[in-house]
Amino acid sequence: MIWDQIEGNWKQLKGNVKEQWGKLTDDDLDVINGQREALSGKIQATYGLTEKDAHSQISDWETMLTNVFTPDEKIVKESGAKPLPDDKE
C-alpha cells in the first residue's frame, strides 16, 4: 500500500490504528495525522521500541491493510475509506 493512501484515509483508518496500537490516544492519532514518521516516533515512545522495530510493525500493518482493504471488500464500503488501486497494474 502506498503511504499516500493511508494519509488520505487517515480518519477512516484511525480505528484500525487503535486496534493495532491500543496505547495510542485519540490525541496522538490527531497529531500523527497519517504521517508515517510521526506514527513511528509515537510507537517508539509509547511502547519503548527501537526505530527498526517500530518501522517493522508499521510495515506489517501496512501489508495487512493491503490484504484487507481491497476495492471490493465490504469493510472498505462500511468504513468509508477510498478503495485502493490494484497494485498488479
Protein backbone atom coordinates (compact mmCIF):
# COMPACT_ATOMS: atom_id res chain seq x y z
CA MET A 1 0.00 0.00 0.00
CA ILE A 2 1.23 3.45 -0.81
CA TRP A 3 1.57 5.61 2.29
CA ASP A 4 -0.21 8.48 0.50
CA GLN A 5 -3.33 6.32 0.54
CA ILE A 6 -3.01 5.82 4.28
CA GLU A 7 -2.64 9.57 4.77
CA GLY A 8 -5.65 10.18 2.55
CA ASN A 9 -7.76 7.71 4.52
CA TRP A 10 -6.32 8.51 7.97
CA LYS A 11 -9.61 9.50 9.56
CA GLN A 12 -11.18 6.22 8.44
CA LEU A 13 -8.14 4.18 9.49
CA LYS A 14 -7.71 5.64 12.98
CA GLY A 15 -9.86 2.89 14.49
CA ASN A 16 -7.68 0.28 12.84
CA VAL A 17 -4.56 2.01 14.18
CA LYS A 18 -6.07 1.96 17.68
CA GLU A 19 -6.71 -1.79 17.31
CA GLN A 20 -3.08 -2.34 16.36
CA TRP A 21 -1.51 0.05 18.90
CA GLY A 22 -4.09 0.36 21.66
CA LYS A 23 -1.98 2.60 23.89
CA LEU A 24 -2.10 5.43 21.34
CA THR A 25 -4.68 8.03 22.26
CA ASP A 26 -7.09 9.87 20.01
CA ASP A 27 -4.98 12.98 20.58
CA ASP A 28 -1.87 11.02 19.48
CA LEU A 29 -3.65 9.97 16.29
CA ASP A 30 -4.76 13.53 15.60
CA VAL A 31 -1.17 14.75 15.94
CA ILE A 32 0.18 11.89 13.79
CA ASN A 33 -2.37 12.79 11.09
CA GLY A 34 -1.30 9.97 8.79
CA GLN A 35 2.40 10.79 8.80
CA ARG A 36 4.48 7.61 8.84
CA GLU A 37 7.45 9.07 10.72
CA ALA A 38 5.16 10.63 13.32
CA LEU A 39 3.46 7.26 13.81
CA SER A 40 6.84 5.55 14.12
CA GLY A 41 8.05 8.08 16.70
CA LYS A 42 4.90 7.79 18.76
CA ILE A 43 5.07 3.97 18.70
CA GLN A 44 8.71 4.12 19.80
CA ALA A 45 7.94 6.50 22.65
CA THR A 46 4.78 4.74 23.80
CA TYR A 47 5.98 1.15 23.56
CA GLY A 48 9.71 1.60 24.17
CA LEU A 49 10.64 0.13 20.79
CA THR A 50 13.64 0.78 18.62
CA GLU A 51 13.17 2.70 15.40
CA LYS A 52 13.77 -0.53 13.47
CA ASP A 53 11.12 -2.42 15.45
CA ALA A 54 8.58 0.40 15.07
CA HIS A 55 9.18 0.53 11.31
CA SER A 56 8.81 -3.23 11.13
CA GLN A 57 5.47 -3.11 12.93
CA ILE A 58 4.25 -0.34 10.65
CA SER A 59 5.32 -2.30 7.57
CA ASP A 60 3.48 -5.38 8.83
CA TRP A 61 0.38 -3.26 9.49
CA GLU A 62 0.64 -1.70 6.05
CA THR A 63 0.83 -5.17 4.47
CA MET A 64 -2.23 -6.25 6.44
CA LEU A 65 -4.13 -3.20 5.17
CA THR A 66 -3.17 -4.01 1.60
CA ASN A 67 -4.54 -7.53 2.08
CA VAL A 68 -7.74 -6.44 3.86
CA PHE A 69 -8.74 -3.13 2.30
CA THR A 70 -9.27 -4.09 -1.33
CA PRO A 71 -11.78 -2.29 -3.56
CA ASP A 72 -14.44 -4.97 -3.42
CA GLU A 73 -14.17 -5.70 0.29
CA LYS A 74 -17.24 -4.95 2.39
CA ILE A 75 -15.07 -3.35 5.08
CA VAL A 76 -13.98 -0.60 2.68
CA LYS A 77 -17.57 0.31 1.96
CA GLU A 78 -18.51 0.25 5.64
CA SER A 79 -15.50 2.29 6.74
CA GLY A 80 -15.99 4.96 4.10
CA ALA A 81 -12.33 4.54 3.10
CA LYS A 82 -11.38 5.13 -0.51
CA PRO A 83 -10.75 1.88 -2.41
CA LEU A 84 -7.14 1.14 -3.19
CA PRO A 85 -5.97 0.75 -6.77
CA ASP A 86 -4.99 -2.69 -7.95
CA ASP A 87 -1.25 -2.99 -7.21
CA LYS A 88 -0.87 -5.50 -10.05
CA GLU A 89 -1.32 -2.87 -12.75
